[in-house]
PDB file of all heavy atoms in Angstrom:
ATOM      1  N   LEU A   1      16.212  -2.803   1.013  1.00  0.00           N
ATOM      2  CA  LEU A   1      16.711  -3.444   2.242  1.00  0.00           C
ATOM      3  C   LEU A   1      16.953  -2.386   3.335  1.00  0.00           C
ATOM      4  O   LEU A   1      17.631  -1.387   3.014  1.00  0.00           O
ATOM      5  CB  LEU A   1      17.940  -4.171   1.926  1.00  0.00           C
ATOM      6  CG  LEU A   1      18.671  -4.887   3.059  1.00  0.00           C
ATOM      7  CD1 LEU A   1      17.884  -6.028   3.693  1.00  0.00           C
ATOM      8  CD2 LEU A   1      20.037  -5.472   2.549  1.00  0.00           C
ATOM      9  N   VAL A   2      16.458  -2.618   4.510  1.00  0.00           N
ATOM     10  CA  VAL A   2      16.630  -1.616   5.598  1.00  0.00           C
ATOM     11  C   VAL A   2      16.790  -2.341   6.888  1.00  0.00           C
ATOM     12  O   VAL A   2      16.229  -3.436   7.144  1.00  0.00           O
ATOM     13  CB  VAL A   2      15.402  -0.723   5.620  1.00  0.00           C
ATOM     14  CG1 VAL A   2      14.137  -1.467   5.995  1.00  0.00           C
ATOM     15  CG2 VAL A   2      15.588   0.364   6.575  1.00  0.00           C
ATOM     16  N   PRO A   3      17.682  -1.776   7.745  1.00  0.00           N
ATOM     17  CA  PRO A   3      17.872  -2.495   9.090  1.00  0.00           C
ATOM     18  C   PRO A   3      16.576  -2.359   9.953  1.00  0.00           C
ATOM     19  O   PRO A   3      15.774  -1.441   9.769  1.00  0.00           O
ATOM     20  CB  PRO A   3      18.995  -1.724   9.635  1.00  0.00           C
ATOM     21  CG  PRO A   3      19.659  -1.011   8.563  1.00  0.00           C
ATOM     22  CD  PRO A   3      18.554  -0.706   7.599  1.00  0.00           C
ATOM     23  N   ALA A   4      16.365  -3.290  10.926  1.00  0.00           N
ATOM     24  CA  ALA A   4      15.324  -3.166  11.840  1.00  0.00           C
ATOM     25  C   ALA A   4      15.470  -1.784  12.623  1.00  0.00           C
ATOM     26  O   ALA A   4      16.591  -1.369  12.961  1.00  0.00           O
ATOM     27  CB  ALA A   4      15.415  -4.271  12.873  1.00  0.00           C
ATOM     28  N   GLY A   5      14.287  -1.155  12.680  1.00  0.00           N
ATOM     29  CA  GLY A   5      14.309   0.069  13.339  1.00  0.00           C
ATOM     30  C   GLY A   5      14.368   1.274  12.399  1.00  0.00           C
ATOM     31  O   GLY A   5      14.149   2.436  12.700  1.00  0.00           O
ATOM     32  N   GLY A   6      14.643   0.970  11.135  1.00  0.00           N
ATOM     33  CA  GLY A   6      14.775   2.000  10.150  1.00  0.00           C
ATOM     34  C   GLY A   6      13.538   2.332   9.465  1.00  0.00           C
ATOM     35  O   GLY A   6      12.380   1.859   9.962  1.00  0.00           O
ATOM     36  N   SER A   7      13.488   3.239   8.365  1.00  0.00           N
ATOM     37  CA  SER A   7      12.346   3.722   7.835  1.00  0.00           C
ATOM     38  C   SER A   7      12.431   3.591   6.288  1.00  0.00           C
ATOM     39  O   SER A   7      13.552   3.431   5.750  1.00  0.00           O
ATOM     40  CB  SER A   7      12.133   5.181   8.092  1.00  0.00           C
ATOM     41  OG  SER A   7      11.919   5.425   9.458  1.00  0.00           O
ATOM     42  N   LEU A   8      11.336   3.563   5.723  1.00  0.00           N
ATOM     43  CA  LEU A   8      11.174   3.330   4.232  1.00  0.00           C
ATOM     44  C   LEU A   8       9.902   4.076   3.791  1.00  0.00           C
ATOM     45  O   LEU A   8       8.877   3.995   4.485  1.00  0.00           O
ATOM     46  CB  LEU A   8      11.257   1.930   3.769  1.00  0.00           C
ATOM     47  CG  LEU A   8      11.846   1.462   2.489  1.00  0.00           C
ATOM     48  CD1 LEU A   8      13.286   1.930   2.393  1.00  0.00           C
ATOM     49  CD2 LEU A   8      11.797  -0.016   2.320  1.00  0.00           C
ATOM     50  N   ARG A   9       9.863   4.625   2.623  1.00  0.00           N
ATOM     51  CA  ARG A   9       8.723   5.274   2.040  1.00  0.00           C
ATOM     52  C   ARG A   9       8.384   4.615   0.755  1.00  0.00           C
ATOM     53  O   ARG A   9       9.145   4.739  -0.255  1.00  0.00           O
ATOM     54  CB  ARG A   9       8.945   6.808   1.919  1.00  0.00           C
ATOM     55  CG  ARG A   9       7.637   7.541   1.574  1.00  0.00           C
ATOM     56  CD  ARG A   9       7.936   8.933   1.051  1.00  0.00           C
ATOM     57  NE  ARG A   9       6.742   9.807   1.033  1.00  0.00           N
ATOM     58  CZ  ARG A   9       6.720  10.945   0.436  1.00  0.00           C
ATOM     59  NH1 ARG A   9       7.781  11.361  -0.235  1.00  0.00           N
ATOM     60  NH2 ARG A   9       5.608  11.696   0.493  1.00  0.00           N
ATOM     61  N   LEU A  10       7.216   4.044   0.675  1.00  0.00           N
ATOM     62  CA  LEU A  10       6.762   3.377  -0.615  1.00  0.00           C
ATOM     63  C   LEU A  10       5.885   4.382  -1.359  1.00  0.00           C
ATOM     64  O   LEU A  10       5.172   5.183  -0.800  1.00  0.00           O
ATOM     65  CB  LEU A  10       5.983   2.123  -0.331  1.00  0.00           C
ATOM     66  CG  LEU A  10       6.724   1.039   0.555  1.00  0.00           C
ATOM     67  CD1 LEU A  10       5.843  -0.174   0.662  1.00  0.00           C
ATOM     68  CD2 LEU A  10       8.123   0.768  -0.110  1.00  0.00           C
ATOM     69  N   SER A  11       5.962   4.359  -2.678  1.00  0.00           N
ATOM     70  CA  SER A  11       5.115   5.129  -3.623  1.00  0.00           C
ATOM     71  C   SER A  11       4.306   4.314  -4.438  1.00  0.00           C
ATOM     72  O   SER A  11       4.693   3.190  -4.833  1.00  0.00           O
ATOM     73  CB  SER A  11       5.965   6.067  -4.465  1.00  0.00           C
ATOM     74  OG  SER A  11       6.705   6.995  -3.616  1.00  0.00           O
ATOM     75  N   CYS A  12       3.062   4.781  -4.720  1.00  0.00           N
ATOM     76  CA  CYS A  12       2.188   4.019  -5.667  1.00  0.00           C
ATOM     77  C   CYS A  12       1.668   5.092  -6.606  1.00  0.00           C
ATOM     78  O   CYS A  12       0.800   5.880  -6.297  1.00  0.00           O
ATOM     79  CB  CYS A  12       1.055   3.357  -4.953  1.00  0.00           C
ATOM     80  SG  CYS A  12      -0.202   2.679  -6.037  1.00  0.00           S
ATOM     81  N   GLU A  13       2.195   5.109  -7.886  1.00  0.00           N
ATOM     82  CA  GLU A  13       1.790   6.024  -8.810  1.00  0.00           C
ATOM     83  C   GLU A  13       0.733   5.424  -9.701  1.00  0.00           C
ATOM     84  O   GLU A  13       0.874   4.284 -10.337  1.00  0.00           O
ATOM     85  CB  GLU A  13       3.007   6.408  -9.746  1.00  0.00           C
ATOM     86  CG  GLU A  13       2.639   7.480 -10.757  1.00  0.00           C
ATOM     87  CD  GLU A  13       3.782   7.896 -11.561  1.00  0.00           C
ATOM     88  OE1 GLU A  13       4.962   7.428 -11.306  1.00  0.00           O
ATOM     89  OE2 GLU A  13       3.615   8.862 -12.478  1.00  0.00           O
ATOM     90  N   ALA A  14      -0.447   6.060  -9.760  1.00  0.00           N
ATOM     91  CA  ALA A  14      -1.582   5.605 -10.554  1.00  0.00           C
ATOM     92  C   ALA A  14      -1.682   6.208 -11.872  1.00  0.00           C
ATOM     93  O   ALA A  14      -1.378   7.437 -12.006  1.00  0.00           O
ATOM     94  CB  ALA A  14      -2.813   5.692  -9.699  1.00  0.00           C
ATOM     95  N   SER A  15      -2.131   5.482 -12.859  1.00  0.00           N
ATOM     96  CA  SER A  15      -2.485   6.040 -14.122  1.00  0.00           C
ATOM     97  C   SER A  15      -3.702   5.342 -14.584  1.00  0.00           C
ATOM     98  O   SER A  15      -3.999   4.221 -14.317  1.00  0.00           O
ATOM     99  CB  SER A  15      -1.349   5.820 -15.188  1.00  0.00           C
ATOM    100  OG  SER A  15      -1.037   4.456 -15.397  1.00  0.00           O
ATOM    101  N   GLY A  16      -4.587   6.087 -15.390  1.00  0.00           N
ATOM    102  CA  GLY A  16      -5.853   5.448 -15.850  1.00  0.00           C
ATOM    103  C   GLY A  16      -6.898   5.478 -14.786  1.00  0.00           C
ATOM    104  O   GLY A  16      -8.096   5.121 -15.085  1.00  0.00           O
ATOM    105  N   LEU A  17      -6.632   6.082 -13.628  1.00  0.00           N
ATOM    106  CA  LEU A  17      -7.642   6.254 -12.623  1.00  0.00           C
ATOM    107  C   LEU A  17      -7.153   7.308 -11.705  1.00  0.00           C
ATOM    108  O   LEU A  17      -5.936   7.620 -11.562  1.00  0.00           O
ATOM    109  CB  LEU A  17      -7.851   4.937 -11.751  1.00  0.00           C
ATOM    110  CG  LEU A  17      -6.716   4.373 -10.900  1.00  0.00           C
ATOM    111  CD1 LEU A  17      -6.670   5.066  -9.451  1.00  0.00           C
ATOM    112  CD2 LEU A  17      -6.837   2.900 -10.783  1.00  0.00           C
ATOM    113  N   ALA A  18      -8.036   8.070 -11.123  1.00  0.00           N
ATOM    114  CA  ALA A  18      -7.820   9.202 -10.214  1.00  0.00           C
ATOM    115  C   ALA A  18      -7.886   8.723  -8.699  1.00  0.00           C
ATOM    116  O   ALA A  18      -8.967   8.244  -8.349  1.00  0.00           O
ATOM    117  CB  ALA A  18      -8.690  10.322 -10.493  1.00  0.00           C
ATOM    118  N   ILE A  19      -6.824   8.859  -8.103  1.00  0.00           N
ATOM    119  CA  ILE A  19      -6.734   8.304  -6.756  1.00  0.00           C
ATOM    120  C   ILE A  19      -7.888   8.950  -5.817  1.00  0.00           C
ATOM    121  O   ILE A  19      -8.295   8.349  -4.813  1.00  0.00           O
ATOM    122  CB  ILE A  19      -5.401   8.387  -6.172  1.00  0.00           C
ATOM    123  CG1 ILE A  19      -4.930   9.837  -6.026  1.00  0.00           C
ATOM    124  CG2 ILE A  19      -4.411   7.453  -6.932  1.00  0.00           C
ATOM    125  CD1 ILE A  19      -3.621   9.893  -5.171  1.00  0.00           C
ATOM    126  N   ASN A  20      -8.159  10.191  -6.134  1.00  0.00           N
ATOM    127  CA  ASN A  20      -9.137  10.894  -5.247  1.00  0.00           C
ATOM    128  C   ASN A  20     -10.572  10.417  -5.387  1.00  0.00           C
ATOM    129  O   ASN A  20     -11.420  10.768  -4.623  1.00  0.00           O
ATOM    130  CB  ASN A  20      -9.076  12.396  -5.528  1.00  0.00           C
ATOM    131  CG  ASN A  20      -9.567  12.798  -6.946  1.00  0.00           C
ATOM    132  OD1 ASN A  20      -9.151  12.184  -7.907  1.00  0.00           O
ATOM    133  ND2 ASN A  20     -10.339  13.818  -7.018  1.00  0.00           N
ATOM    134  N   THR A  21     -10.828   9.455  -6.375  1.00  0.00           N
ATOM    135  CA  THR A  21     -12.125   8.950  -6.554  1.00  0.00           C
ATOM    136  C   THR A  21     -12.136   7.412  -6.181  1.00  0.00           C
ATOM    137  O   THR A  21     -13.278   6.935  -6.345  1.00  0.00           O
ATOM    138  CB  THR A  21     -12.638   9.265  -7.987  1.00  0.00           C
ATOM    139  OG1 THR A  21     -11.767   8.491  -8.902  1.00  0.00           O
ATOM    140  CG2 THR A  21     -12.638  10.648  -8.314  1.00  0.00           C
ATOM    141  N   TYR A  22     -11.045   6.920  -5.813  1.00  0.00           N
ATOM    142  CA  TYR A  22     -10.942   5.493  -5.576  1.00  0.00           C
ATOM    143  C   TYR A  22     -10.516   5.207  -4.184  1.00  0.00           C
ATOM    144  O   TYR A  22      -9.897   6.038  -3.500  1.00  0.00           O
ATOM    145  CB  TYR A  22      -9.829   4.862  -6.436  1.00  0.00           C
ATOM    146  CG  TYR A  22     -10.308   4.476  -7.856  1.00  0.00           C
ATOM    147  CD1 TYR A  22     -10.602   5.439  -8.819  1.00  0.00           C
ATOM    148  CD2 TYR A  22     -10.424   3.047  -8.226  1.00  0.00           C
ATOM    149  CE1 TYR A  22     -11.115   5.082 -10.064  1.00  0.00           C
ATOM    150  CE2 TYR A  22     -10.894   2.702  -9.478  1.00  0.00           C
ATOM    151  CZ  TYR A  22     -11.170   3.751 -10.424  1.00  0.00           C
ATOM    152  OH  TYR A  22     -11.608   3.417 -11.603  1.00  0.00           O
ATOM    153  N   THR A  23     -10.987   4.026  -3.690  1.00  0.00           N
ATOM    154  CA  THR A  23     -10.484   3.550  -2.447  1.00  0.00           C
ATOM    155  C   THR A  23      -9.048   3.013  -2.719  1.00  0.00           C
ATOM    156  O   THR A  23      -8.867   2.250  -3.640  1.00  0.00           O
ATOM    157  CB  THR A  23     -11.320   2.366  -1.875  1.00  0.00           C
ATOM    158  OG1 THR A  23     -12.529   2.913  -1.478  1.00  0.00           O
ATOM    159  CG2 THR A  23     -10.662   1.710  -0.737  1.00  0.00           C
ATOM    160  N   MET A  24      -8.070   3.439  -2.025  1.00  0.00           N
ATOM    161  CA  MET A  24      -6.701   3.014  -2.120  1.00  0.00           C
ATOM    162  C   MET A  24      -6.223   2.282  -0.940  1.00  0.00           C
ATOM    163  O   MET A  24      -6.646   2.660   0.185  1.00  0.00           O
ATOM    164  CB  MET A  24      -5.845   4.296  -2.423  1.00  0.00           C
ATOM    165  CG  MET A  24      -6.250   5.151  -3.526  1.00  0.00           C
ATOM    166  SD  MET A  24      -6.157   4.342  -5.161  1.00  0.00           S
ATOM    167  CE  MET A  24      -4.382   3.919  -5.350  1.00  0.00           C
ATOM    168  N   ALA A  25      -5.471   1.269  -1.120  1.00  0.00           N
ATOM    169  CA  ALA A  25      -4.995   0.482   0.016  1.00  0.00           C
ATOM    170  C   ALA A  25      -3.564  -0.036  -0.231  1.00  0.00           C
ATOM    171  O   ALA A  25      -3.110  -0.110  -1.457  1.00  0.00           O
ATOM    172  CB  ALA A  25      -5.948  -0.631   0.286  1.00  0.00           C
ATOM    173  N   TRP A  26      -2.926  -0.459   0.824  1.00  0.00           N
ATOM    174  CA  TRP A  26      -1.653  -1.186   0.756  1.00  0.00           C
ATOM    175  C   TRP A  26      -1.879  -2.512   1.448  1.00  0.00           C
ATOM    176  O   TRP A  26      -2.481  -2.723   2.390  1.00  0.00           O
ATOM    177  CB  TRP A  26      -0.574  -0.458   1.496  1.00  0.00           C
ATOM    178  CG  TRP A  26      -0.167   0.795   0.755  1.00  0.00           C
ATOM    179  CD1 TRP A  26      -0.529   2.076   1.021  1.00  0.00           C
ATOM    180  CD2 TRP A  26       0.945   0.870  -0.200  1.00  0.00           C
ATOM    181  NE1 TRP A  26       0.154   3.012   0.265  1.00  0.00           N
ATOM    182  CE2 TRP A  26       1.038   2.261  -0.550  1.00  0.00           C
ATOM    183  CE3 TRP A  26       1.662  -0.025  -0.865  1.00  0.00           C
ATOM    184  CZ2 TRP A  26       1.935   2.712  -1.497  1.00  0.00           C
ATOM    185  CZ3 TRP A  26       2.600   0.367  -1.727  1.00  0.00           C
ATOM    186  CH2 TRP A  26       2.759   1.727  -2.166  1.00  0.00           C
ATOM    187  N   PHE A  27      -1.413  -3.609   0.672  1.00  0.00           N
ATOM    188  CA  PHE A  27      -1.307  -4.900   1.229  1.00  0.00           C
ATOM    189  C   PHE A  27       0.060  -5.435   1.202  1.00  0.00           C
ATOM    190  O   PHE A  27       0.974  -4.795   0.498  1.00  0.00           O
ATOM    191  CB  PHE A  27      -2.250  -5.889   0.392  1.00  0.00           C
ATOM    192  CG  PHE A  27      -3.720  -5.584   0.453  1.00  0.00           C
ATOM    193  CD1 PHE A  27      -4.235  -4.626  -0.239  1.00  0.00           C
ATOM    194  CD2 PHE A  27      -4.481  -6.374   1.332  1.00  0.00           C
ATOM    195  CE1 PHE A  27      -5.648  -4.308  -0.119  1.00  0.00           C
ATOM    196  CE2 PHE A  27      -5.766  -6.091   1.446  1.00  0.00           C
ATOM    197  CZ  PHE A  27      -6.413  -5.083   0.727  1.00  0.00           C
ATOM    198  N   ARG A  28       0.370  -6.512   1.867  1.00  0.00           N
ATOM    199  CA  ARG A  28       1.657  -7.125   1.760  1.00  0.00           C
ATOM    200  C   ARG A  28       1.539  -8.621   1.766  1.00  0.00           C
ATOM    201  O   ARG A  28       0.585  -9.207   2.304  1.00  0.00           O
ATOM    202  CB  ARG A  28       2.558  -6.688   2.846  1.00  0.00           C
ATOM    203  CG  ARG A  28       2.211  -7.070   4.281  1.00  0.00           C
ATOM    204  CD  ARG A  28       3.010  -6.410   5.298  1.00  0.00           C
ATOM    205  NE  ARG A  28       2.665  -6.724   6.687  1.00  0.00           N
ATOM    206  CZ  ARG A  28       3.153  -6.243   7.772  1.00  0.00           C
ATOM    207  NH1 ARG A  28       4.052  -5.305   7.725  1.00  0.00           N
ATOM    208  NH2 ARG A  28       2.779  -6.783   8.958  1.00  0.00           N
ATOM    209  N   GLN A  29       2.525  -9.311   1.297  1.00  0.00           N
ATOM    210  CA  GLN A  29       2.512 -10.761   1.151  1.00  0.00           C
ATOM    211  C   GLN A  29       4.009 -11.252   1.241  1.00  0.00           C
ATOM    212  O   GLN A  29       4.801 -10.961   0.521  1.00  0.00           O
ATOM    213  CB  GLN A  29       1.960 -11.277  -0.156  1.00  0.00           C
ATOM    214  CG  GLN A  29       1.703 -12.746  -0.204  1.00  0.00           C
ATOM    215  CD  GLN A  29       0.826 -13.107  -1.372  1.00  0.00           C
ATOM    216  OE1 GLN A  29       0.638 -12.364  -2.324  1.00  0.00           O
ATOM    217  NE2 GLN A  29       0.146 -14.294  -1.262  1.00  0.00           N
ATOM    218  N   ALA A  30       4.216 -12.114   2.295  1.00  0.00           N
ATOM    219  CA  ALA A  30       5.493 -12.806   2.455  1.00  0.00           C
ATOM    220  C   ALA A  30       5.345 -14.185   1.788  1.00  0.00           C
ATOM    221  O   ALA A  30       4.255 -14.649   1.601  1.00  0.00           O
ATOM    222  CB  ALA A  30       5.779 -12.916   3.926  1.00  0.00           C
ATOM    223  N   PRO A  31       6.507 -14.788   1.436  1.00  0.00           N
ATOM    224  CA  PRO A  31       6.407 -16.099   0.693  1.00  0.00           C
ATOM    225  C   PRO A  31       5.755 -17.075   1.573  1.00  0.00           C
ATOM    226  O   PRO A  31       5.959 -17.286   2.743  1.00  0.00           O
ATOM    227  CB  PRO A  31       7.884 -16.363   0.505  1.00  0.00           C
ATOM    228  CG  PRO A  31       8.639 -15.037   0.461  1.00  0.00           C
ATOM    229  CD  PRO A  31       7.847 -14.264   1.497  1.00  0.00           C
ATOM    230  N   GLY A  32       4.781 -17.772   0.944  1.00  0.00           N
ATOM    231  CA  GLY A  32       4.024 -18.788   1.604  1.00  0.00           C
ATOM    232  C   GLY A  32       2.788 -18.309   2.414  1.00  0.00           C
ATOM    233  O   GLY A  32       2.053 -19.070   2.977  1.00  0.00           O
ATOM    234  N   ASN A  33       2.707 -17.030   2.490  1.00  0.00           N
ATOM    235  CA  ASN A  33       1.591 -16.478   3.275  1.00  0.00           C
ATOM    236  C   ASN A  33       0.545 -15.829   2.379  1.00  0.00           C
ATOM    237  O   ASN A  33       0.811 -15.579   1.241  1.00  0.00           O
ATOM    238  CB  ASN A  33       2.164 -15.359   4.219  1.00  0.00           C
ATOM    239  CG  ASN A  33       3.053 -15.915   5.375  1.00  0.00           C
ATOM    240  OD1 ASN A  33       3.047 -17.090   5.549  1.00  0.00           O
ATOM    241  ND2 ASN A  33       3.760 -15.063   6.044  1.00  0.00           N
ATOM    242  N   GLU A  34      -0.568 -15.608   2.935  1.00  0.00           N
ATOM    243  CA  GLU A  34      -1.664 -14.926   2.202  1.00  0.00           C
ATOM    244  C   GLU A  34      -1.434 -13.424   2.240  1.00  0.00           C
ATOM    245  O   GLU A  34      -0.698 -12.914   3.101  1.00  0.00           O
ATOM    246  CB  GLU A  34      -3.043 -15.227   2.839  1.00  0.00           C
ATOM    247  CG  GLU A  34      -3.409 -16.686   2.828  1.00  0.00           C
ATOM    248  CD  GLU A  34      -4.795 -16.900   3.398  1.00  0.00           C
ATOM    249  OE1 GLU A  34      -5.392 -15.968   3.912  1.00  0.00           O
ATOM    250  OE2 GLU A  34      -5.310 -18.124   3.354  1.00  0.00           O
ATOM    251  N   ARG A  35      -1.999 -12.768   1.276  1.00  0.00           N
ATOM    252  CA  ARG A  35      -1.852 -11.347   1.174  1.00  0.00           C
ATOM    253  C   ARG A  35      -2.675 -10.740   2.318  1.00  0.00           C
ATOM    254  O   ARG A  35      -3.850 -11.153   2.566  1.00  0.00           O
ATOM    255  CB  ARG A  35      -2.434 -10.899  -0.170  1.00  0.00           C
ATOM    256  CG  ARG A  35      -2.045  -9.482  -0.510  1.00  0.00           C
ATOM    257  CD  ARG A  35      -2.209  -9.157  -1.974  1.00  0.00           C
ATOM    258  NE  ARG A  35      -1.342  -9.989  -2.776  1.00  0.00           N
ATOM    259  CZ  ARG A  35      -1.192  -9.892  -4.078  1.00  0.00           C
ATOM    260  NH1 ARG A  35      -1.848  -8.913  -4.784  1.00  0.00           N
ATOM    261  NH2 ARG A  35      -0.306 -10.663  -4.758  1.00  0.00           N
ATOM    262  N   GLU A  36      -2.091  -9.793   3.032  1.00  0.00           N
ATOM    263  CA  GLU A  36      -2.726  -9.245   4.212  1.00  0.00           C
ATOM    264  C   GLU A  36      -2.768  -7.716   4.070  1.00  0.00           C
ATOM    265  O   GLU A  36      -1.944  -7.023   3.464  1.00  0.00           O
ATOM    266  CB  GLU A  36      -2.040  -9.557   5.538  1.00  0.00           C
ATOM    267  CG  GLU A  36      -0.667  -9.028   5.636  1.00  0.00           C
ATOM    268  CD  GLU A  36      -0.012  -9.345   7.012  1.00  0.00           C
ATOM    269  OE1 GLU A  36      -0.732  -9.683   7.897  1.00  0.00           O
ATOM    270  OE2 GLU A  36       1.183  -9.181   7.129  1.00  0.00           O
ATOM    271  N   PHE A  37      -3.855  -7.219   4.673  1.00  0.00           N
ATOM    272  CA  PHE A  37      -4.118  -5.740   4.599  1.00  0.00           C
ATOM    273  C   PHE A  37      -3.141  -4.931   5.520  1.00  0.00           C
ATOM    274  O   PHE A  37      -2.698  -5.481   6.601  1.00  0.00           O
ATOM    275  CB  PHE A  37      -5.516  -5.420   5.129  1.00  0.00           C
ATOM    276  CG  PHE A  37      -5.850  -4.039   5.330  1.00  0.00           C
ATOM    277  CD1 PHE A  37      -6.272  -3.232   4.273  1.00  0.00           C
ATOM    278  CD2 PHE A  37      -5.723  -3.392   6.571  1.00  0.00           C
ATOM    279  CE1 PHE A  37      -6.560  -1.856   4.461  1.00  0.00           C
ATOM    280  CE2 PHE A  37      -6.128  -2.107   6.769  1.00  0.00           C
ATOM    281  CZ  PHE A  37      -6.540  -1.366   5.726  1.00  0.00           C
ATOM    282  N   VAL A  38      -2.579  -3.918   5.041  1.00  0.00           N
ATOM    283  CA  VAL A  38      -1.678  -2.989   5.744  1.00  0.00           C
ATOM    284  C   VAL A  38      -2.396  -1.713   6.126  1.00  0.00           C
ATOM    285  O   VAL A  38      -2.418  -1.256   7.266  1.00  0.00           O
ATOM    286  CB  VAL A  38      -0.424  -2.818   5.060  1.00  0.00           C
ATOM    287  CG1 VAL A  38       0.516  -1.807   5.777  1.00  0.00           C
ATOM    288  CG2 VAL A  38       0.308  -4.085   4.675  1.00  0.00           C
ATOM    289  N   ALA A  39      -2.809  -0.920   5.161  1.00  0.00           N
ATOM    290  CA  ALA A  39      -3.379   0.330   5.301  1.00  0.00           C
ATOM    291  C   ALA A  39      -4.385   0.690   4.258  1.00  0.00           C
ATOM    292  O   ALA A  39      -4.156   0.135   3.093  1.00  0.00           O
ATOM    293  CB  ALA A  39      -2.367   1.450   5.385  1.00  0.00           C
ATOM    294  N   GLY A  40      -5.348   1.410   4.528  1.00  0.00           N
ATOM    295  CA  GLY A  40      -6.343   1.730   3.445  1.00  0.00           C
ATOM    296  C   GLY A  40      -7.014   3.084   3.693  1.00  0.00           C
ATOM    297  O   GLY A  40      -7.103   3.639   4.799  1.00  0.00           O
ATOM    298  N   ASP A  41      -7.368   3.724   2.582  1.00  0.00           N
ATOM    299  CA  ASP A  41      -8.077   5.048   2.511  1.00  0.00           C
ATOM    300  C   ASP A  41      -9.366   4.832   1.820  1.00  0.00           C
ATOM    301  O   ASP A  41      -9.342   4.762   0.556  1.00  0.00           O
ATOM    302  CB  ASP A  41      -7.115   6.058   1.839  1.00  0.00           C
ATOM    303  CG  ASP A  41      -7.700   7.445   1.844  1.00  0.00           C
ATOM    304  OD1 ASP A  41      -8.906   7.672   2.328  1.00  0.00           O
ATOM    305  OD2 ASP A  41      -6.952   8.376   1.420  1.00  0.00           O
ATOM    306  N   PHE A  42     -10.426   4.714   2.532  1.00  0.00           N
ATOM    307  CA  PHE A  42     -11.752   4.368   1.938  1.00  0.00           C
ATOM    308  C   PHE A  42     -12.197   5.578   1.192  1.00  0.00           C
ATOM    309  O   PHE A  42     -12.367   6.754   1.615  1.00  0.00           O
ATOM    310  CB  PHE A  42     -12.724   4.077   3.001  1.00  0.00           C
ATOM    311  CG  PHE A  42     -14.130   3.664   2.571  1.00  0.00           C
ATOM    312  CD1 PHE A  42     -14.302   2.561   1.760  1.00  0.00           C
ATOM    313  CD2 PHE A  42     -15.166   4.512   2.802  1.00  0.00           C
ATOM    314  CE1 PHE A  42     -15.574   2.228   1.323  1.00  0.00           C
ATOM    315  CE2 PHE A  42     -16.448   4.180   2.335  1.00  0.00           C
ATOM    316  CZ  PHE A  42     -16.601   3.035   1.540  1.00  0.00           C
ATOM    317  N   ARG A  43     -12.432   5.382  -0.136  1.00  0.00           N
ATOM    318  CA  ARG A  43     -12.926   6.351  -1.095  1.00  0.00           C
ATOM    319  C   ARG A  43     -11.909   7.568  -1.153  1.00  0.00           C
ATOM    320  O   ARG A  43     -12.440   8.717  -1.558  1.00  0.00           O
ATOM    321  CB  ARG A  43     -14.361   6.763  -0.868  1.00  0.00           C
ATOM    322  CG  ARG A  43     -15.242   5.596  -1.084  1.00  0.00           C
ATOM    323  CD  ARG A  43     -16.758   5.990  -0.770  1.00  0.00           C
ATOM    324  NE  ARG A  43     -17.624   4.811  -1.078  1.00  0.00           N
ATOM    325  CZ  ARG A  43     -18.932   4.886  -0.797  1.00  0.00           C
ATOM    326  NH1 ARG A  43     -19.501   6.002  -0.416  1.00  0.00           N
ATOM    327  NH2 ARG A  43     -19.676   3.751  -0.966  1.00  0.00           N
ATOM    328  N   SER A  44     -10.743   7.419  -0.610  1.00  0.00           N
ATOM    329  CA  SER A  44      -9.844   8.542  -0.617  1.00  0.00           C
ATOM    330  C   SER A  44     -10.300   9.763   0.198  1.00  0.00           C
ATOM    331  O   SER A  44     -10.003  10.902  -0.159  1.00  0.00           O
ATOM    332  CB  SER A  44      -9.384   8.942  -1.995  1.00  0.00           C
ATOM    333  OG  SER A  44      -8.675   7.936  -2.619  1.00  0.00           O
ATOM    334  N   TYR A  45     -11.118   9.516   1.200  1.00  0.00           N
ATOM    335  CA  TYR A  45     -11.586  10.561   2.058  1.00  0.00           C
ATOM    336  C   TYR A  45     -10.546  11.163   2.941  1.00  0.00           C
ATOM    337  O   TYR A  45     -10.742  12.274   3.461  1.00  0.00           O
ATOM    338  CB  TYR A  45     -12.731  10.118   2.941  1.00  0.00           C
ATOM    339  CG  TYR A  45     -14.073   9.832   2.245  1.00  0.00           C
ATOM    340  CD1 TYR A  45     -15.054   9.101   2.875  1.00  0.00           C
ATOM    341  CD2 TYR A  45     -14.276  10.300   1.002  1.00  0.00           C
ATOM    342  CE1 TYR A  45     -16.302   8.953   2.194  1.00  0.00           C
ATOM    343  CE2 TYR A  45     -15.516  10.042   0.356  1.00  0.00           C
ATOM    344  CZ  TYR A  45     -16.503   9.344   0.976  1.00  0.00           C
ATOM    345  OH  TYR A  45     -17.668   9.120   0.423  1.00  0.00           O
TER     346      TYR A  45
END
């Protein structure tokens, strides 16, 4: 929980795959909504 205007840092720890060889992305989904794209790193370039 954070106030409007604030900051937050999310982490995604991967196991069983190497992030440097995968496309990695962040999506988000609010209740009743479809999952939407937030940010992506194509092939981890």
